[in-house]
Amino acid sequence: MSDYQVTQIGAPDEWRDHFGGFDEARSRDGRRVVDHELTMQYIGMTANALEPGEEAGYWHTHSHVEELYVFLAGSGQMGLDDDLVDVGPGTVVRVGQSVWRTWRARPDSAEQLRWLCIRAGGEQLPHLPNDGSRAPERPMPWPAS
């Protein structure tokens, strides 16, 4: 038996239709906690969508978790400690432990602000992965072109 799982989270323009969160009190439209659907050990991920003008409504921080925000659509802003950062398609924001963060979709955004938030904990990763193996002799699983 192989150790992998597959789920479908839908196209980004469908993310707003999902209602979810880490618990009932923190659930909202446009949040899908993917690590509640897959068995993840060291990483977690949410798929998110906010309507223009919508905001998180709270600040938060983590003592052990590092987060990576990958913005895919819309325009928004993140509050990071005392800084305000504009975000949009292609913006990637790494937020370390103990940094206070919040976010919003700008009221003038032409579309929903959509992003993935990838959370990780555990040991620091090496700059170059040193635990991998290659098998160039193993045939590819698709027909040769």
N, C-alpha and C. Protein backbone atom coordinates (compact mmCIF):
# COMPACT_ATOMS: atom_id res chain seq x y z
N MET A 1 0.85 -1.18 0.00
CA MET A 1 0.00 0.00 0.00
C MET A 1 0.89 1.24 0.00
N SER A 2 0.60 2.18 -0.88
CA SER A 2 1.36 3.41 -0.97
C SER A 2 0.84 4.43 0.04
N ASP A 3 1.73 5.30 0.47
CA ASP A 3 1.38 6.32 1.46
C ASP A 3 1.10 7.64 0.75
N TYR A 4 -0.06 7.73 0.08
CA TYR A 4 -0.49 9.00 -0.49
C TYR A 4 -2.00 9.05 -0.47
N GLN A 5 -2.53 10.26 -0.56
CA GLN A 5 -3.96 10.50 -0.62
C GLN A 5 -4.22 11.60 -1.64
N VAL A 6 -5.41 11.61 -2.21
CA VAL A 6 -5.80 12.62 -3.18
C VAL A 6 -7.15 13.17 -2.78
N THR A 7 -7.30 14.49 -2.84
CA THR A 7 -8.60 15.12 -2.65
C THR A 7 -8.76 16.20 -3.71
N GLN A 8 -9.96 16.64 -3.93
CA GLN A 8 -10.23 17.72 -4.88
C GLN A 8 -10.78 18.90 -4.09
N ILE A 9 -10.17 20.07 -4.21
CA ILE A 9 -10.68 21.25 -3.52
C ILE A 9 -11.43 22.18 -4.47
N GLY A 10 -11.51 21.80 -5.74
CA GLY A 10 -12.23 22.61 -6.71
C GLY A 10 -11.36 23.74 -7.25
N ALA A 11 -11.85 24.35 -8.29
CA ALA A 11 -11.15 25.49 -8.88
C ALA A 11 -11.23 26.68 -7.92
N PRO A 12 -10.26 27.59 -7.96
CA PRO A 12 -10.28 28.73 -7.04
C PRO A 12 -11.58 29.52 -7.05
N ASP A 13 -12.27 29.60 -8.20
CA ASP A 13 -13.52 30.36 -8.22
C ASP A 13 -14.68 29.62 -7.54
N GLU A 14 -14.43 28.39 -7.06
CA GLU A 14 -15.43 27.62 -6.31
C GLU A 14 -15.15 27.63 -4.80
N TRP A 15 -14.02 28.16 -4.37
CA TRP A 15 -13.63 28.07 -2.97
C TRP A 15 -14.59 28.80 -2.05
N ARG A 16 -15.16 29.88 -2.51
CA ARG A 16 -16.06 30.68 -1.67
C ARG A 16 -17.28 29.87 -1.24
N ASP A 17 -17.68 28.88 -2.02
CA ASP A 17 -18.86 28.08 -1.72
C ASP A 17 -18.66 27.13 -0.54
N HIS A 18 -17.43 26.95 -0.09
CA HIS A 18 -17.16 26.03 1.01
C HIS A 18 -17.26 26.77 2.35
N PHE A 19 -17.88 26.14 3.33
CA PHE A 19 -17.96 26.68 4.68
C PHE A 19 -17.11 25.78 5.57
N GLY A 20 -16.12 26.36 6.25
CA GLY A 20 -15.27 25.53 7.08
C GLY A 20 -14.37 26.34 7.98
N GLY A 21 -13.63 25.62 8.80
CA GLY A 21 -12.70 26.23 9.73
C GLY A 21 -12.09 25.17 10.61
N PHE A 22 -11.28 25.63 11.56
CA PHE A 22 -10.61 24.70 12.45
C PHE A 22 -11.55 24.15 13.50
N ASP A 23 -12.58 24.91 13.84
CA ASP A 23 -13.65 24.45 14.72
C ASP A 23 -14.89 25.26 14.37
N GLU A 24 -16.03 24.88 14.91
CA GLU A 24 -17.29 25.52 14.54
C GLU A 24 -17.28 27.02 14.80
N ALA A 25 -16.68 27.45 15.91
CA ALA A 25 -16.68 28.87 16.26
C ALA A 25 -15.86 29.71 15.29
N ARG A 26 -14.88 29.10 14.62
CA ARG A 26 -14.02 29.85 13.70
C ARG A 26 -14.29 29.52 12.24
N SER A 27 -15.40 28.85 11.96
CA SER A 27 -15.74 28.51 10.58
C SER A 27 -16.35 29.72 9.87
N ARG A 28 -16.16 29.77 8.56
CA ARG A 28 -16.71 30.87 7.76
C ARG A 28 -16.82 30.41 6.31
N ASP A 29 -17.58 31.17 5.55
CA ASP A 29 -17.64 30.93 4.10
C ASP A 29 -16.26 31.19 3.50
N GLY A 30 -15.90 30.37 2.55
CA GLY A 30 -14.65 30.61 1.83
C GLY A 30 -13.41 30.07 2.52
N ARG A 31 -13.54 29.15 3.46
CA ARG A 31 -12.36 28.54 4.08
C ARG A 31 -12.51 27.02 4.04
N ARG A 32 -11.48 26.37 3.54
CA ARG A 32 -11.46 24.92 3.51
C ARG A 32 -10.15 24.46 4.13
N VAL A 33 -10.24 23.71 5.22
CA VAL A 33 -9.06 23.20 5.91
C VAL A 33 -8.73 21.84 5.30
N VAL A 34 -7.82 21.85 4.35
CA VAL A 34 -7.49 20.65 3.59
C VAL A 34 -6.87 19.58 4.49
N ASP A 35 -6.13 19.98 5.51
CA ASP A 35 -5.52 18.96 6.37
C ASP A 35 -6.53 18.26 7.27
N HIS A 36 -7.79 18.70 7.27
CA HIS A 36 -8.85 17.93 7.93
C HIS A 36 -9.34 16.81 7.01
N GLU A 37 -9.00 16.89 5.74
CA GLU A 37 -9.43 15.90 4.75
C GLU A 37 -8.33 14.90 4.40
N LEU A 38 -7.09 15.28 4.58
CA LEU A 38 -5.96 14.42 4.29
C LEU A 38 -5.17 14.20 5.58
N THR A 39 -4.52 13.06 5.67
CA THR A 39 -3.72 12.75 6.85
C THR A 39 -2.35 13.39 6.68
N MET A 40 -2.16 14.56 7.27
CA MET A 40 -0.88 15.27 7.16
C MET A 40 -0.15 15.20 8.49
N GLN A 41 1.17 15.04 8.44
CA GLN A 41 1.97 14.93 9.66
C GLN A 41 2.66 16.24 10.04
N TYR A 42 3.22 16.94 9.07
CA TYR A 42 4.08 18.08 9.37
C TYR A 42 3.63 19.38 8.70
N ILE A 43 2.65 19.28 7.81
CA ILE A 43 2.17 20.46 7.11
C ILE A 43 0.65 20.52 7.17
N GLY A 44 0.10 21.69 6.97
CA GLY A 44 -1.33 21.88 6.86
C GLY A 44 -1.59 22.91 5.79
N MET A 45 -2.82 22.95 5.28
CA MET A 45 -3.13 23.91 4.24
C MET A 45 -4.61 24.26 4.28
N THR A 46 -4.88 25.55 4.07
CA THR A 46 -6.25 25.99 3.87
C THR A 46 -6.34 26.66 2.51
N ALA A 47 -7.52 26.52 1.87
CA ALA A 47 -7.84 27.24 0.64
C ALA A 47 -8.87 28.28 1.03
N ASN A 48 -8.64 29.55 0.65
CA ASN A 48 -9.42 30.67 1.18
C ASN A 48 -9.91 31.60 0.08
N ALA A 49 -11.08 32.21 0.33
CA ALA A 49 -11.63 33.21 -0.58
C ALA A 49 -12.43 34.22 0.22
N LEU A 50 -12.10 35.50 0.06
CA LEU A 50 -12.85 36.59 0.69
C LEU A 50 -13.45 37.47 -0.38
N GLU A 51 -14.67 37.93 -0.15
CA GLU A 51 -15.30 38.89 -1.05
C GLU A 51 -14.63 40.26 -0.88
N PRO A 52 -14.64 41.11 -1.91
CA PRO A 52 -14.08 42.45 -1.76
C PRO A 52 -14.66 43.15 -0.52
N GLY A 53 -13.78 43.74 0.28
CA GLY A 53 -14.17 44.44 1.50
C GLY A 53 -14.24 43.56 2.73
N GLU A 54 -14.19 42.25 2.57
CA GLU A 54 -14.24 41.34 3.71
C GLU A 54 -12.86 41.24 4.36
N GLU A 55 -12.83 41.02 5.66
CA GLU A 55 -11.56 40.91 6.38
C GLU A 55 -11.61 39.75 7.37
N ALA A 56 -10.45 39.39 7.88
CA ALA A 56 -10.37 38.30 8.86
C ALA A 56 -11.15 38.66 10.12
N GLY A 57 -11.05 39.90 10.55
CA GLY A 57 -11.77 40.32 11.76
C GLY A 57 -11.01 40.05 13.05
N TYR A 58 -9.79 39.55 12.95
CA TYR A 58 -8.97 39.27 14.13
C TYR A 58 -7.50 39.22 13.72
N TRP A 59 -6.64 39.41 14.70
CA TRP A 59 -5.20 39.16 14.55
C TRP A 59 -4.92 37.80 15.15
N HIS A 60 -3.86 37.12 14.69
CA HIS A 60 -3.42 35.89 15.35
C HIS A 60 -1.92 35.70 15.18
N THR A 61 -1.38 34.85 16.01
CA THR A 61 0.04 34.50 15.96
C THR A 61 0.18 33.03 16.34
N HIS A 62 1.32 32.46 16.05
CA HIS A 62 1.61 31.08 16.42
C HIS A 62 2.96 31.03 17.14
N SER A 63 3.07 30.13 18.08
CA SER A 63 4.34 29.98 18.78
C SER A 63 5.23 28.91 18.14
N HIS A 64 4.64 27.95 17.41
CA HIS A 64 5.44 26.87 16.81
C HIS A 64 5.26 26.74 15.30
N VAL A 65 4.20 27.31 14.77
CA VAL A 65 3.85 27.10 13.37
C VAL A 65 4.35 28.27 12.51
N GLU A 66 4.93 27.92 11.37
CA GLU A 66 5.33 28.89 10.34
C GLU A 66 4.27 28.81 9.25
N GLU A 67 3.89 29.96 8.66
CA GLU A 67 2.88 29.96 7.61
C GLU A 67 3.42 30.58 6.33
N LEU A 68 2.92 30.07 5.21
CA LEU A 68 3.26 30.59 3.90
C LEU A 68 1.95 30.89 3.18
N TYR A 69 1.73 32.16 2.86
CA TYR A 69 0.53 32.60 2.16
C TYR A 69 0.87 32.77 0.69
N VAL A 70 0.13 32.07 -0.18
CA VAL A 70 0.35 32.14 -1.63
C VAL A 70 -0.92 32.73 -2.24
N PHE A 71 -0.85 33.97 -2.70
CA PHE A 71 -2.02 34.67 -3.23
C PHE A 71 -2.17 34.39 -4.71
N LEU A 72 -3.41 34.08 -5.11
CA LEU A 72 -3.69 33.62 -6.47
C LEU A 72 -4.58 34.57 -7.26
N ALA A 73 -5.44 35.34 -6.58
CA ALA A 73 -6.38 36.22 -7.30
C ALA A 73 -6.82 37.34 -6.37
N GLY A 74 -7.31 38.41 -6.97
CA GLY A 74 -7.82 39.54 -6.21
C GLY A 74 -6.72 40.43 -5.67
N SER A 75 -7.13 41.46 -4.92
CA SER A 75 -6.15 42.33 -4.27
C SER A 75 -6.54 42.48 -2.81
N GLY A 76 -5.52 42.50 -1.98
CA GLY A 76 -5.77 42.58 -0.55
C GLY A 76 -4.60 43.17 0.18
N GLN A 77 -4.67 43.08 1.49
CA GLN A 77 -3.61 43.57 2.35
C GLN A 77 -3.44 42.64 3.52
N MET A 78 -2.21 42.55 4.01
CA MET A 78 -1.91 41.81 5.23
C MET A 78 -1.32 42.77 6.24
N GLY A 79 -1.79 42.69 7.47
CA GLY A 79 -1.14 43.34 8.58
C GLY A 79 -0.14 42.37 9.16
N LEU A 80 1.10 42.76 9.25
CA LEU A 80 2.18 41.92 9.77
C LEU A 80 2.91 42.71 10.84
N ASP A 81 2.62 42.41 12.12
CA ASP A 81 3.09 43.22 13.23
C ASP A 81 2.69 44.69 12.97
N ASP A 82 3.66 45.57 12.79
CA ASP A 82 3.35 46.99 12.58
C ASP A 82 3.34 47.40 11.11
N ASP A 83 3.46 46.43 10.20
CA ASP A 83 3.53 46.73 8.76
C ASP A 83 2.23 46.38 8.06
N LEU A 84 1.97 47.08 6.97
CA LEU A 84 0.84 46.79 6.10
C LEU A 84 1.42 46.47 4.72
N VAL A 85 1.10 45.26 4.19
CA VAL A 85 1.68 44.77 2.94
C VAL A 85 0.55 44.53 1.95
N ASP A 86 0.69 45.09 0.73
CA ASP A 86 -0.28 44.82 -0.33
C ASP A 86 0.00 43.44 -0.91
N VAL A 87 -1.08 42.68 -1.21
CA VAL A 87 -0.95 41.34 -1.75
C VAL A 87 -1.88 41.18 -2.94
N GLY A 88 -1.49 40.31 -3.86
CA GLY A 88 -2.28 40.01 -5.04
C GLY A 88 -1.71 38.80 -5.74
N PRO A 89 -2.19 38.48 -6.94
CA PRO A 89 -1.73 37.29 -7.63
C PRO A 89 -0.21 37.25 -7.75
N GLY A 90 0.37 36.16 -7.32
CA GLY A 90 1.82 35.99 -7.37
C GLY A 90 2.55 36.41 -6.11
N THR A 91 1.87 37.06 -5.17
CA THR A 91 2.52 37.44 -3.92
C THR A 91 2.61 36.22 -3.01
N VAL A 92 3.79 35.99 -2.44
CA VAL A 92 4.01 34.91 -1.48
C VAL A 92 4.58 35.55 -0.22
N VAL A 93 3.94 35.30 0.91
CA VAL A 93 4.35 35.91 2.18
C VAL A 93 4.64 34.79 3.18
N ARG A 94 5.88 34.73 3.66
CA ARG A 94 6.24 33.81 4.73
C ARG A 94 6.09 34.55 6.05
N VAL A 95 5.39 33.93 7.01
CA VAL A 95 5.18 34.54 8.31
C VAL A 95 5.73 33.59 9.38
N GLY A 96 6.74 34.06 10.09
CA GLY A 96 7.38 33.25 11.11
C GLY A 96 6.61 33.24 12.42
N GLN A 97 7.08 32.42 13.31
CA GLN A 97 6.48 32.30 14.62
C GLN A 97 6.53 33.65 15.34
N SER A 98 5.51 33.90 16.12
CA SER A 98 5.39 35.09 16.97
C SER A 98 5.09 36.38 16.20
N VAL A 99 4.93 36.33 14.89
CA VAL A 99 4.54 37.52 14.12
C VAL A 99 3.02 37.60 14.12
N TRP A 100 2.48 38.74 14.51
CA TRP A 100 1.03 38.96 14.48
C TRP A 100 0.62 39.20 13.05
N ARG A 101 -0.51 38.59 12.64
CA ARG A 101 -0.96 38.72 11.26
C ARG A 101 -2.48 38.82 11.18
N THR A 102 -2.94 39.54 10.16
CA THR A 102 -4.35 39.63 9.79
C THR A 102 -4.39 39.96 8.32
N TRP A 103 -5.56 39.90 7.69
CA TRP A 103 -5.66 40.12 6.25
C TRP A 103 -7.05 40.60 5.89
N ARG A 104 -7.12 41.20 4.69
CA ARG A 104 -8.41 41.61 4.16
C ARG A 104 -8.35 41.64 2.63
N ALA A 105 -9.53 41.52 2.03
CA ALA A 105 -9.67 41.79 0.59
C ALA A 105 -9.95 43.27 0.47
N ARG A 106 -9.23 43.96 -0.37
CA ARG A 106 -9.46 45.40 -0.53
C ARG A 106 -10.89 45.63 -1.02
N PRO A 107 -11.55 46.69 -0.53
CA PRO A 107 -12.91 46.98 -0.98
C PRO A 107 -13.01 47.21 -2.48
N ASP A 108 -11.93 47.71 -3.10
CA ASP A 108 -11.94 47.98 -4.53
C ASP A 108 -11.40 46.82 -5.37
N SER A 109 -11.22 45.65 -4.76
CA SER A 109 -10.73 44.49 -5.50
C SER A 109 -11.74 44.11 -6.59
N ALA A 110 -11.26 43.84 -7.78
CA ALA A 110 -12.13 43.48 -8.90
C ALA A 110 -12.71 42.08 -8.75
N GLU A 111 -12.15 41.27 -7.86
CA GLU A 111 -12.63 39.91 -7.65
C GLU A 111 -12.29 39.47 -6.23
N GLN A 112 -12.72 38.27 -5.89
CA GLN A 112 -12.41 37.72 -4.58
C GLN A 112 -10.90 37.62 -4.38
N LEU A 113 -10.48 37.83 -3.14
CA LEU A 113 -9.09 37.55 -2.77
C LEU A 113 -9.01 36.06 -2.49
N ARG A 114 -8.16 35.35 -3.23
CA ARG A 114 -8.02 33.90 -3.07
C ARG A 114 -6.56 33.56 -2.78
N TRP A 115 -6.39 32.68 -1.79
CA TRP A 115 -5.04 32.29 -1.43
C TRP A 115 -5.02 30.93 -0.77
N LEU A 116 -3.84 30.34 -0.78
CA LEU A 116 -3.54 29.14 -0.02
C LEU A 116 -2.70 29.56 1.16
N CYS A 117 -3.00 29.00 2.33
CA CYS A 117 -2.15 29.20 3.50
C CYS A 117 -1.58 27.83 3.86
N ILE A 118 -0.28 27.71 3.78
CA ILE A 118 0.41 26.46 4.07
C ILE A 118 1.10 26.63 5.42
N ARG A 119 0.77 25.72 6.35
CA ARG A 119 1.32 25.78 7.71
C ARG A 119 2.27 24.61 7.91
N ALA A 120 3.36 24.86 8.61
CA ALA A 120 4.31 23.79 8.88
C ALA A 120 4.91 23.96 10.26
N GLY A 121 5.31 22.86 10.81
CA GLY A 121 6.00 22.84 12.09
C GLY A 121 7.07 21.78 12.03
N GLY A 122 7.62 21.44 13.16
CA GLY A 122 8.62 20.38 13.18
C GLY A 122 10.02 20.92 13.02
N GLU A 123 10.87 20.12 12.41
CA GLU A 123 12.28 20.47 12.28
C GLU A 123 12.51 21.40 11.10
N GLN A 124 13.56 22.20 11.22
CA GLN A 124 13.95 23.09 10.13
C GLN A 124 14.36 22.27 8.92
N LEU A 125 13.88 22.67 7.73
CA LEU A 125 14.24 21.96 6.51
C LEU A 125 15.63 22.38 6.05
N PRO A 126 16.39 21.44 5.46
CA PRO A 126 17.69 21.83 4.90
C PRO A 126 17.48 22.68 3.65
N HIS A 127 18.49 23.49 3.32
CA HIS A 127 18.39 24.32 2.13
C HIS A 127 18.17 23.46 0.89
N LEU A 128 18.90 22.39 0.77
CA LEU A 128 18.71 21.41 -0.30
C LEU A 128 18.25 20.11 0.34
N PRO A 129 17.13 19.54 -0.14
CA PRO A 129 16.67 18.28 0.46
C PRO A 129 17.75 17.22 0.37
N ASN A 130 18.04 16.58 1.49
CA ASN A 130 19.11 15.58 1.52
C ASN A 130 18.58 14.19 1.83
N ASP A 131 17.25 14.02 1.78
CA ASP A 131 16.69 12.72 2.10
C ASP A 131 16.04 12.06 0.88
N GLY A 132 16.29 12.60 -0.31
CA GLY A 132 15.66 12.09 -1.52
C GLY A 132 16.52 11.06 -2.23
N SER A 133 15.87 10.30 -3.09
CA SER A 133 16.55 9.33 -3.95
C SER A 133 15.97 9.46 -5.35
N ARG A 134 16.81 9.26 -6.37
CA ARG A 134 16.35 9.30 -7.75
C ARG A 134 16.43 7.90 -8.35
N ALA A 135 15.54 7.61 -9.30
CA ALA A 135 15.54 6.33 -10.00
C ALA A 135 15.40 6.59 -11.50
N PRO A 136 16.48 7.05 -12.16
CA PRO A 136 16.39 7.36 -13.58
C PRO A 136 16.07 6.15 -14.45
N GLU A 137 16.33 4.95 -13.95
CA GLU A 137 16.05 3.73 -14.73
C GLU A 137 14.58 3.31 -14.65
N ARG A 138 13.83 3.88 -13.71
CA ARG A 138 12.42 3.51 -13.56
C ARG A 138 11.62 4.14 -14.71
N PRO A 139 10.83 3.35 -15.44
CA PRO A 139 10.08 3.90 -16.57
C PRO A 139 9.00 4.88 -16.11
N MET A 140 8.73 5.87 -16.95
CA MET A 140 7.68 6.85 -16.67
C MET A 140 6.32 6.15 -16.77
N PRO A 141 5.30 6.61 -16.00
CA PRO A 141 4.02 5.92 -15.98
C PRO A 141 3.09 6.27 -17.15
N TRP A 142 3.47 7.18 -18.03
CA TRP A 142 2.63 7.58 -19.15
C TRP A 142 3.26 7.08 -20.45
N PRO A 143 2.44 6.98 -21.49
CA PRO A 143 2.97 6.52 -22.78
C PRO A 143 4.06 7.45 -23.31
N ALA A 144 5.04 6.89 -23.97
CA ALA A 144 6.10 7.70 -24.58
C ALA A 144 5.50 8.50 -25.72
N SER A 145 6.00 9.72 -25.88
CA SER A 145 5.44 10.56 -26.95
C SER A 145 6.32 10.53 -28.18
